[in-house]
Amino acid sequence: MRIAYPAARTIVEHAAAQSPCEACGLLAGKGGLISLTLPVANSAAMPEQAFALAPDEHLRRLKQIDERGLDWLGVYHSHPTTPPIPSQADRSGAADSSLLQLIVSLAYPKPRLKLWRVDGLTALPLELDFADAPSIDEADELTRRQQMGMLAAGALSLLALLVIAIGLLPPVP
């Protein structure tokens, strides 16, 4: 299974914003690609320890998925302080084994996402690849505009130094 990088980023940002409570939402896409994530309010009685999709918002989000011509692939939720492994409550609360369950953990310096297929008391980990993720080389490479800006800044600095140096020369008799 693959997840579009912007969709994964939405999940991580939502989880960070809701911490120390668990964040939750829906996963949508086509085939083997999760291309859309839709946050849903957590209506659990103890949102610091569990998640429950708010029913009215859940239904509205399912309608949005349908209107976009996508399939509902599963749910996501966060574990603010524990690893991305389904808890007993996560396993027992899984209503449909055909739906995926993605868990993002904030318990590490970098968030970790793990995908599961949960069927009652069993949880099967699934491989999750990132589509459209910027490579390390691309992230470190300067754009043409940035390169030109640095060149212009260097030329202006050199010109300013030249003007200052000429201004410091003694007058010519």
N, C-alpha and C. Protein backbone atom coordinates (compact mmCIF):
# COMPACT_ATOMS: atom_id res chain seq x y z
N MET A 1 0.85 -1.18 0.00
CA MET A 1 0.00 0.00 0.00
C MET A 1 0.89 1.23 0.00
N ARG A 2 0.42 2.28 -0.69
CA ARG A 2 1.16 3.53 -0.75
C ARG A 2 0.30 4.66 -0.20
N ILE A 3 0.95 5.69 0.32
CA ILE A 3 0.25 6.88 0.78
C ILE A 3 0.92 8.09 0.15
N ALA A 4 0.11 9.00 -0.37
CA ALA A 4 0.64 10.23 -0.95
C ALA A 4 1.27 11.05 0.17
N TYR A 5 2.42 11.62 -0.11
CA TYR A 5 3.15 12.38 0.90
C TYR A 5 2.29 13.49 1.53
N PRO A 6 1.53 14.28 0.74
CA PRO A 6 0.68 15.31 1.36
C PRO A 6 -0.37 14.73 2.32
N ALA A 7 -0.89 13.55 2.00
CA ALA A 7 -1.87 12.91 2.89
C ALA A 7 -1.21 12.49 4.20
N ALA A 8 -0.01 11.93 4.11
CA ALA A 8 0.72 11.54 5.33
C ALA A 8 1.05 12.77 6.17
N ARG A 9 1.43 13.83 5.51
CA ARG A 9 1.76 15.07 6.22
C ARG A 9 0.54 15.63 6.95
N THR A 10 -0.63 15.55 6.32
CA THR A 10 -1.87 16.00 6.96
C THR A 10 -2.13 15.21 8.24
N ILE A 11 -1.91 13.91 8.19
CA ILE A 11 -2.12 13.07 9.37
C ILE A 11 -1.18 13.49 10.49
N VAL A 12 0.09 13.65 10.19
CA VAL A 12 1.08 14.02 11.21
C VAL A 12 0.76 15.39 11.80
N GLU A 13 0.42 16.36 10.96
CA GLU A 13 0.08 17.70 11.45
C GLU A 13 -1.17 17.67 12.32
N HIS A 14 -2.17 16.89 11.92
CA HIS A 14 -3.39 16.77 12.71
C HIS A 14 -3.09 16.14 14.07
N ALA A 15 -2.28 15.09 14.07
CA ALA A 15 -1.91 14.42 15.32
C ALA A 15 -1.17 15.36 16.26
N ALA A 16 -0.23 16.12 15.71
CA ALA A 16 0.55 17.06 16.54
C ALA A 16 -0.36 18.15 17.12
N ALA A 17 -1.30 18.63 16.32
CA ALA A 17 -2.21 19.68 16.78
C ALA A 17 -3.15 19.19 17.87
N GLN A 18 -3.53 17.92 17.86
CA GLN A 18 -4.48 17.38 18.84
C GLN A 18 -3.81 16.83 20.10
N SER A 19 -2.51 16.61 20.05
CA SER A 19 -1.79 16.03 21.18
C SER A 19 -1.95 16.92 22.41
N PRO A 20 -2.19 16.37 23.57
CA PRO A 20 -2.01 14.99 24.00
C PRO A 20 -3.22 14.08 23.77
N CYS A 21 -4.25 14.60 23.11
CA CYS A 21 -5.39 13.75 22.77
C CYS A 21 -5.09 13.01 21.47
N GLU A 22 -5.79 11.91 21.26
CA GLU A 22 -5.64 11.17 20.02
C GLU A 22 -6.43 11.88 18.92
N ALA A 23 -5.79 11.99 17.76
CA ALA A 23 -6.45 12.53 16.58
C ALA A 23 -6.99 11.35 15.78
N CYS A 24 -8.01 11.59 14.95
CA CYS A 24 -8.53 10.51 14.13
C CYS A 24 -9.14 11.07 12.85
N GLY A 25 -9.30 10.18 11.88
CA GLY A 25 -9.88 10.59 10.61
C GLY A 25 -10.01 9.43 9.66
N LEU A 26 -10.35 9.75 8.42
CA LEU A 26 -10.60 8.74 7.40
C LEU A 26 -9.51 8.74 6.34
N LEU A 27 -9.27 7.57 5.78
CA LEU A 27 -8.33 7.37 4.68
C LEU A 27 -9.14 7.09 3.42
N ALA A 28 -8.79 7.78 2.32
CA ALA A 28 -9.51 7.57 1.07
C ALA A 28 -8.53 7.50 -0.08
N GLY A 29 -8.96 6.86 -1.15
CA GLY A 29 -8.11 6.75 -2.33
C GLY A 29 -8.68 5.76 -3.31
N LYS A 30 -7.81 5.28 -4.17
CA LYS A 30 -8.19 4.29 -5.18
C LYS A 30 -7.11 3.23 -5.24
N GLY A 31 -7.54 2.00 -5.37
CA GLY A 31 -6.58 0.91 -5.51
C GLY A 31 -5.63 0.86 -4.33
N GLY A 32 -4.36 0.85 -4.61
CA GLY A 32 -3.36 0.74 -3.56
C GLY A 32 -2.77 2.05 -3.13
N LEU A 33 -3.48 3.18 -3.36
CA LEU A 33 -2.95 4.50 -3.00
C LEU A 33 -3.92 5.25 -2.10
N ILE A 34 -3.43 5.62 -0.91
CA ILE A 34 -4.17 6.52 -0.02
C ILE A 34 -3.81 7.92 -0.49
N SER A 35 -4.77 8.61 -1.09
CA SER A 35 -4.48 9.93 -1.66
C SER A 35 -5.11 11.07 -0.87
N LEU A 36 -6.03 10.75 0.04
CA LEU A 36 -6.75 11.78 0.77
C LEU A 36 -6.97 11.34 2.21
N THR A 37 -6.73 12.25 3.13
CA THR A 37 -7.04 12.00 4.54
C THR A 37 -7.97 13.11 5.00
N LEU A 38 -8.99 12.73 5.72
CA LEU A 38 -9.98 13.69 6.19
C LEU A 38 -10.09 13.60 7.72
N PRO A 39 -9.65 14.63 8.43
CA PRO A 39 -9.77 14.62 9.88
C PRO A 39 -11.24 14.56 10.32
N VAL A 40 -11.46 13.86 11.42
CA VAL A 40 -12.79 13.75 12.03
C VAL A 40 -12.59 14.00 13.52
N ALA A 41 -13.51 14.70 14.14
CA ALA A 41 -13.41 14.98 15.57
C ALA A 41 -13.41 13.67 16.37
N ASN A 42 -12.63 13.66 17.43
CA ASN A 42 -12.57 12.51 18.34
C ASN A 42 -13.63 12.69 19.41
N SER A 43 -14.63 11.82 19.42
CA SER A 43 -15.72 11.94 20.39
C SER A 43 -15.60 10.93 21.54
N ALA A 44 -14.42 10.35 21.71
CA ALA A 44 -14.23 9.38 22.80
C ALA A 44 -14.38 10.08 24.15
N ALA A 45 -14.87 9.34 25.13
CA ALA A 45 -15.04 9.88 26.48
C ALA A 45 -13.70 10.29 27.08
N MET A 46 -12.64 9.55 26.76
CA MET A 46 -11.29 9.87 27.24
C MET A 46 -10.37 9.97 26.03
N PRO A 47 -10.39 11.11 25.31
CA PRO A 47 -9.64 11.23 24.06
C PRO A 47 -8.12 11.15 24.23
N GLU A 48 -7.62 11.25 25.46
CA GLU A 48 -6.18 11.10 25.70
C GLU A 48 -5.77 9.63 25.59
N GLN A 49 -6.75 8.72 25.68
CA GLN A 49 -6.44 7.30 25.70
C GLN A 49 -7.10 6.50 24.58
N ALA A 50 -8.02 7.10 23.86
CA ALA A 50 -8.77 6.34 22.85
C ALA A 50 -9.31 7.30 21.80
N PHE A 51 -9.85 6.71 20.74
CA PHE A 51 -10.50 7.53 19.72
C PHE A 51 -11.84 6.93 19.35
N ALA A 52 -12.74 7.80 18.96
CA ALA A 52 -14.05 7.41 18.42
C ALA A 52 -14.41 8.49 17.40
N LEU A 53 -14.70 8.08 16.20
CA LEU A 53 -15.07 9.04 15.16
C LEU A 53 -16.43 9.65 15.50
N ALA A 54 -16.51 10.98 15.54
CA ALA A 54 -17.77 11.66 15.80
C ALA A 54 -18.76 11.26 14.70
N PRO A 55 -19.90 10.65 15.06
CA PRO A 55 -20.81 10.06 14.07
C PRO A 55 -21.27 11.01 12.96
N ASP A 56 -21.74 12.21 13.30
CA ASP A 56 -22.25 13.12 12.26
C ASP A 56 -21.15 13.54 11.31
N GLU A 57 -19.99 13.87 11.87
CA GLU A 57 -18.86 14.29 11.03
C GLU A 57 -18.34 13.12 10.19
N HIS A 58 -18.36 11.92 10.78
CA HIS A 58 -17.96 10.72 10.06
C HIS A 58 -18.82 10.55 8.80
N LEU A 59 -20.12 10.69 8.94
CA LEU A 59 -21.03 10.55 7.80
C LEU A 59 -20.80 11.63 6.75
N ARG A 60 -20.55 12.88 7.20
CA ARG A 60 -20.27 13.97 6.26
C ARG A 60 -18.99 13.68 5.46
N ARG A 61 -17.98 13.17 6.15
CA ARG A 61 -16.71 12.87 5.49
C ARG A 61 -16.87 11.71 4.49
N LEU A 62 -17.67 10.71 4.85
CA LEU A 62 -17.92 9.61 3.91
C LEU A 62 -18.60 10.13 2.64
N LYS A 63 -19.50 11.09 2.79
CA LYS A 63 -20.18 11.68 1.65
C LYS A 63 -19.17 12.44 0.78
N GLN A 64 -18.23 13.16 1.41
CA GLN A 64 -17.19 13.87 0.66
C GLN A 64 -16.33 12.90 -0.15
N ILE A 65 -16.00 11.78 0.46
CA ILE A 65 -15.20 10.76 -0.24
C ILE A 65 -15.95 10.26 -1.46
N ASP A 66 -17.24 9.97 -1.28
CA ASP A 66 -18.07 9.49 -2.38
C ASP A 66 -18.20 10.54 -3.49
N GLU A 67 -18.38 11.80 -3.11
CA GLU A 67 -18.51 12.89 -4.09
C GLU A 67 -17.24 13.06 -4.91
N ARG A 68 -16.11 12.73 -4.36
CA ARG A 68 -14.83 12.86 -5.08
C ARG A 68 -14.51 11.62 -5.91
N GLY A 69 -15.40 10.63 -5.86
CA GLY A 69 -15.18 9.41 -6.64
C GLY A 69 -14.10 8.52 -6.07
N LEU A 70 -13.83 8.64 -4.79
CA LEU A 70 -12.81 7.84 -4.14
C LEU A 70 -13.46 6.72 -3.32
N ASP A 71 -12.63 5.80 -2.87
CA ASP A 71 -13.09 4.72 -2.00
C ASP A 71 -12.65 5.00 -0.57
N TRP A 72 -13.49 4.62 0.37
CA TRP A 72 -13.12 4.70 1.78
C TRP A 72 -12.22 3.50 2.05
N LEU A 73 -10.96 3.77 2.38
CA LEU A 73 -9.99 2.69 2.58
C LEU A 73 -9.78 2.32 4.04
N GLY A 74 -10.08 3.25 4.95
CA GLY A 74 -9.87 2.95 6.36
C GLY A 74 -9.88 4.18 7.23
N VAL A 75 -9.31 4.02 8.42
CA VAL A 75 -9.25 5.11 9.40
C VAL A 75 -7.80 5.31 9.84
N TYR A 76 -7.55 6.48 10.38
CA TYR A 76 -6.26 6.72 11.01
C TYR A 76 -6.50 7.28 12.40
N HIS A 77 -5.54 7.08 13.25
CA HIS A 77 -5.57 7.74 14.56
C HIS A 77 -4.15 7.84 15.09
N SER A 78 -3.98 8.60 16.14
CA SER A 78 -2.64 8.83 16.67
C SER A 78 -2.48 8.18 18.04
N HIS A 79 -1.23 7.89 18.33
CA HIS A 79 -0.81 7.47 19.67
C HIS A 79 0.21 8.51 20.12
N PRO A 80 -0.22 9.49 20.92
CA PRO A 80 0.68 10.58 21.30
C PRO A 80 1.92 10.13 22.08
N THR A 81 1.82 9.06 22.87
CA THR A 81 2.96 8.67 23.72
C THR A 81 3.36 7.21 23.62
N THR A 82 2.72 6.47 22.73
CA THR A 82 3.02 5.04 22.62
C THR A 82 3.35 4.68 21.17
N PRO A 83 3.97 3.52 20.95
CA PRO A 83 4.32 3.10 19.59
C PRO A 83 3.08 2.93 18.70
N PRO A 84 3.27 2.90 17.38
CA PRO A 84 2.15 2.77 16.44
C PRO A 84 1.67 1.33 16.28
N ILE A 85 1.30 0.73 17.39
CA ILE A 85 0.83 -0.65 17.43
C ILE A 85 -0.60 -0.64 17.95
N PRO A 86 -1.53 -1.34 17.30
CA PRO A 86 -2.92 -1.32 17.77
C PRO A 86 -3.05 -1.80 19.22
N SER A 87 -3.72 -1.01 20.01
CA SER A 87 -4.00 -1.39 21.39
C SER A 87 -5.14 -2.40 21.41
N GLN A 88 -5.42 -2.93 22.58
CA GLN A 88 -6.56 -3.85 22.73
C GLN A 88 -7.85 -3.15 22.30
N ALA A 89 -8.00 -1.88 22.69
CA ALA A 89 -9.20 -1.12 22.31
C ALA A 89 -9.25 -0.89 20.80
N ASP A 90 -8.10 -0.64 20.18
CA ASP A 90 -8.05 -0.46 18.72
C ASP A 90 -8.49 -1.73 18.01
N ARG A 91 -8.02 -2.87 18.51
CA ARG A 91 -8.36 -4.15 17.87
C ARG A 91 -9.83 -4.50 18.07
N SER A 92 -10.31 -4.34 19.28
CA SER A 92 -11.71 -4.71 19.55
C SER A 92 -12.69 -3.72 18.93
N GLY A 93 -12.25 -2.48 18.70
CA GLY A 93 -13.13 -1.47 18.13
C GLY A 93 -13.18 -1.47 16.62
N ALA A 94 -12.33 -2.29 15.98
CA ALA A 94 -12.33 -2.35 14.52
C ALA A 94 -13.61 -3.01 14.04
N ALA A 95 -14.45 -2.23 13.39
CA ALA A 95 -15.77 -2.72 12.99
C ALA A 95 -15.75 -3.55 11.71
N ASP A 96 -14.79 -3.27 10.83
CA ASP A 96 -14.78 -3.92 9.52
C ASP A 96 -13.35 -4.29 9.15
N SER A 97 -13.08 -5.58 9.04
CA SER A 97 -11.71 -6.03 8.76
C SER A 97 -11.24 -5.67 7.35
N SER A 98 -12.14 -5.22 6.49
CA SER A 98 -11.71 -4.82 5.14
C SER A 98 -11.12 -3.41 5.15
N LEU A 99 -11.34 -2.67 6.24
CA LEU A 99 -10.81 -1.31 6.34
C LEU A 99 -9.42 -1.32 6.97
N LEU A 100 -8.56 -0.48 6.45
CA LEU A 100 -7.20 -0.35 6.98
C LEU A 100 -7.22 0.52 8.23
N GLN A 101 -6.20 0.34 9.05
CA GLN A 101 -6.04 1.19 10.23
C GLN A 101 -4.60 1.70 10.23
N LEU A 102 -4.45 3.01 10.08
CA LEU A 102 -3.14 3.62 10.10
C LEU A 102 -2.96 4.32 11.44
N ILE A 103 -1.82 4.06 12.08
CA ILE A 103 -1.53 4.68 13.38
C ILE A 103 -0.27 5.50 13.23
N VAL A 104 -0.34 6.75 13.69
CA VAL A 104 0.84 7.61 13.73
C VAL A 104 1.23 7.78 15.20
N SER A 105 2.49 7.51 15.49
CA SER A 105 3.00 7.66 16.85
C SER A 105 3.84 8.92 16.95
N LEU A 106 3.59 9.69 18.00
CA LEU A 106 4.38 10.89 18.28
C LEU A 106 5.37 10.64 19.42
N ALA A 107 5.59 9.37 19.76
CA ALA A 107 6.45 9.02 20.89
C ALA A 107 7.93 9.06 20.55
N TYR A 108 8.27 9.40 19.33
CA TYR A 108 9.66 9.41 18.86
C TYR A 108 10.02 10.81 18.37
N PRO A 109 11.31 11.09 18.21
CA PRO A 109 11.69 12.42 17.69
C PRO A 109 11.05 12.73 16.34
N LYS A 110 10.93 11.72 15.47
CA LYS A 110 10.21 11.88 14.20
C LYS A 110 8.97 10.99 14.26
N PRO A 111 7.80 11.51 13.85
CA PRO A 111 6.58 10.68 13.88
C PRO A 111 6.76 9.41 13.04
N ARG A 112 6.14 8.33 13.52
CA ARG A 112 6.18 7.05 12.80
C ARG A 112 4.78 6.64 12.42
N LEU A 113 4.60 6.27 11.15
CA LEU A 113 3.32 5.80 10.66
C LEU A 113 3.41 4.31 10.38
N LYS A 114 2.38 3.58 10.81
CA LYS A 114 2.35 2.14 10.60
C LYS A 114 0.93 1.77 10.17
N LEU A 115 0.85 0.93 9.15
CA LEU A 115 -0.44 0.52 8.59
C LEU A 115 -0.76 -0.91 9.03
N TRP A 116 -2.03 -1.13 9.36
CA TRP A 116 -2.48 -2.43 9.87
C TRP A 116 -3.77 -2.86 9.21
N ARG A 117 -3.96 -4.18 9.15
CA ARG A 117 -5.27 -4.76 8.84
C ARG A 117 -5.69 -5.44 10.12
N VAL A 118 -6.76 -4.94 10.73
CA VAL A 118 -7.20 -5.43 12.03
C VAL A 118 -8.46 -6.27 11.85
N ASP A 119 -8.42 -7.47 12.40
CA ASP A 119 -9.55 -8.40 12.30
C ASP A 119 -9.82 -8.95 13.70
N GLY A 120 -10.72 -8.32 14.39
CA GLY A 120 -11.02 -8.76 15.75
C GLY A 120 -9.82 -8.58 16.67
N LEU A 121 -9.27 -9.68 17.16
CA LEU A 121 -8.16 -9.59 18.09
C LEU A 121 -6.80 -9.65 17.41
N THR A 122 -6.77 -9.89 16.10
CA THR A 122 -5.48 -9.96 15.41
C THR A 122 -5.23 -8.68 14.61
N ALA A 123 -3.97 -8.33 14.52
CA ALA A 123 -3.57 -7.16 13.74
C ALA A 123 -2.39 -7.56 12.86
N LEU A 124 -2.56 -7.42 11.57
CA LEU A 124 -1.53 -7.79 10.60
C LEU A 124 -0.87 -6.51 10.08
N PRO A 125 0.46 -6.35 10.31
CA PRO A 125 1.13 -5.15 9.78
C PRO A 125 1.24 -5.23 8.26
N LEU A 126 1.05 -4.10 7.60
CA LEU A 126 1.15 -4.00 6.15
C LEU A 126 2.28 -3.04 5.78
N GLU A 127 2.89 -3.28 4.63
CA GLU A 127 3.93 -2.39 4.16
C GLU A 127 3.29 -1.08 3.70
N LEU A 128 3.93 0.02 4.05
CA LEU A 128 3.44 1.34 3.67
C LEU A 128 4.57 2.11 3.02
N ASP A 129 4.39 2.47 1.76
CA ASP A 129 5.38 3.26 1.03
C ASP A 129 4.82 4.66 0.82
N PHE A 130 5.73 5.61 0.70
CA PHE A 130 5.34 7.00 0.50
C PHE A 130 5.47 7.37 -0.97
N ALA A 131 4.37 7.82 -1.55
CA ALA A 131 4.36 8.28 -2.94
C ALA A 131 4.62 9.78 -2.95
N ASP A 132 5.35 10.26 -3.91
CA ASP A 132 5.60 11.70 -4.08
C ASP A 132 6.39 12.32 -2.95
N ALA A 133 7.11 11.53 -2.18
CA ALA A 133 7.92 12.09 -1.10
C ALA A 133 9.15 12.77 -1.68
N PRO A 134 9.49 13.95 -1.17
CA PRO A 134 10.70 14.58 -1.69
C PRO A 134 11.92 13.76 -1.27
N SER A 135 12.82 13.55 -2.20
CA SER A 135 14.03 12.81 -1.87
C SER A 135 14.97 13.71 -1.10
N ILE A 136 15.93 13.13 -0.44
CA ILE A 136 16.90 13.91 0.32
C ILE A 136 17.65 14.84 -0.62
N ASP A 137 18.01 14.35 -1.81
CA ASP A 137 18.73 15.18 -2.77
C ASP A 137 17.87 16.36 -3.21
N GLU A 138 16.59 16.11 -3.49
CA GLU A 138 15.71 17.19 -3.94
C GLU A 138 15.51 18.22 -2.85
N ALA A 139 15.38 17.77 -1.60
CA ALA A 139 15.14 18.68 -0.49
C ALA A 139 16.36 19.57 -0.26
N ASP A 140 17.55 19.07 -0.52
CA ASP A 140 18.77 19.83 -0.28
C ASP A 140 19.19 20.66 -1.48
N GLU A 141 18.63 20.41 -2.64
CA GLU A 141 19.03 21.10 -3.85
C GLU A 141 18.33 22.46 -3.93
N LEU A 142 19.10 23.50 -4.28
CA LEU A 142 18.53 24.83 -4.42
C LEU A 142 17.80 24.95 -5.75
N THR A 143 16.69 25.70 -5.72
CA THR A 143 15.98 25.95 -6.97
C THR A 143 16.75 26.99 -7.79
N ARG A 144 16.42 27.10 -9.05
CA ARG A 144 17.08 28.08 -9.92
C ARG A 144 16.89 29.49 -9.37
N ARG A 145 15.71 29.78 -8.88
CA ARG A 145 15.41 31.10 -8.31
C ARG A 145 16.28 31.37 -7.08
N GLN A 146 16.43 30.36 -6.22
CA GLN A 146 17.28 30.51 -5.03
C GLN A 146 18.74 30.73 -5.44
N GLN A 147 19.21 30.00 -6.46
CA GLN A 147 20.58 30.16 -6.93
C GLN A 147 20.80 31.57 -7.46
N MET A 148 19.85 32.08 -8.26
CA MET A 148 19.98 33.43 -8.81
C MET A 148 19.94 34.48 -7.69
N GLY A 149 19.11 34.26 -6.70
CA GLY A 149 19.05 35.18 -5.56
C GLY A 149 20.36 35.24 -4.80
N MET A 150 20.97 34.08 -4.61
CA MET A 150 22.26 34.05 -3.91
C MET A 150 23.34 34.73 -4.74
N LEU A 151 23.32 34.55 -6.05
CA LEU A 151 24.29 35.18 -6.94
C LEU A 151 24.12 36.70 -6.90
N ALA A 152 22.87 37.17 -6.96
CA ALA A 152 22.61 38.61 -6.91
C ALA A 152 23.04 39.19 -5.56
N ALA A 153 22.75 38.49 -4.47
CA ALA A 153 23.16 38.97 -3.15
C ALA A 153 24.67 39.06 -3.04
N GLY A 154 25.37 38.09 -3.60
CA GLY A 154 26.84 38.11 -3.59
C GLY A 154 27.38 39.27 -4.40
N ALA A 155 26.79 39.53 -5.57
CA ALA A 155 27.25 40.63 -6.43
C ALA A 155 27.00 41.98 -5.74
N LEU A 156 25.84 42.14 -5.11
CA LEU A 156 25.53 43.38 -4.40
C LEU A 156 26.47 43.59 -3.22
N SER A 157 26.79 42.52 -2.52
CA SER A 157 27.73 42.62 -1.39
C SER A 157 29.10 43.05 -1.87
N LEU A 158 29.55 42.49 -2.97
CA LEU A 158 30.85 42.85 -3.54
C LEU A 158 30.85 44.31 -3.98
N LEU A 159 29.77 44.77 -4.59
CA LEU A 159 29.65 46.16 -5.02
C LEU A 159 29.68 47.10 -3.81
N ALA A 160 28.97 46.73 -2.75
CA ALA A 160 28.95 47.55 -1.53
C ALA A 160 30.34 47.64 -0.92
N LEU A 161 31.07 46.55 -0.88
CA LEU A 161 32.43 46.57 -0.35
C LEU A 161 33.33 47.45 -1.20
N LEU A 162 33.17 47.44 -2.50
CA LEU A 162 33.96 48.26 -3.40
C LEU A 162 33.68 49.75 -3.16
N VAL A 163 32.41 50.11 -3.00
CA VAL A 163 32.04 51.51 -2.73
C VAL A 163 32.63 51.95 -1.39
N ILE A 164 32.57 51.12 -0.37
CA ILE A 164 33.14 51.46 0.94
C ILE A 164 34.65 51.63 0.84
N ALA A 165 35.31 50.74 0.13
CA ALA A 165 36.78 50.80 -0.01
C ALA A 165 37.18 52.07 -0.74
N ILE A 166 36.47 52.44 -1.78
CA ILE A 166 36.79 53.68 -2.53
C ILE A 166 36.57 54.89 -1.64
N GLY A 167 35.53 54.85 -0.81
CA GLY A 167 35.25 55.95 0.09
C GLY A 167 36.31 56.11 1.18
N LEU A 168 37.03 55.08 1.49
CA LEU A 168 38.07 55.13 2.52
C LEU A 168 39.44 55.58 1.96
N LEU A 169 39.57 55.65 0.65
CA LEU A 169 40.84 56.08 0.03
C LEU A 169 41.08 57.56 0.33
N PRO A 170 42.34 57.92 0.55
CA PRO A 170 42.63 59.35 0.76
C PRO A 170 42.35 60.14 -0.52
N PRO A 171 42.00 61.42 -0.36
CA PRO A 171 41.72 62.23 -1.56
C PRO A 171 42.96 62.37 -2.43
N VAL A 172 42.76 62.47 -3.71
CA VAL A 172 43.86 62.64 -4.67
C VAL A 172 44.19 64.14 -4.75
N PRO A 173 45.53 64.52 -4.58
CA PRO A 173 45.88 65.96 -4.62
C PRO A 173 45.81 66.55 -5.99
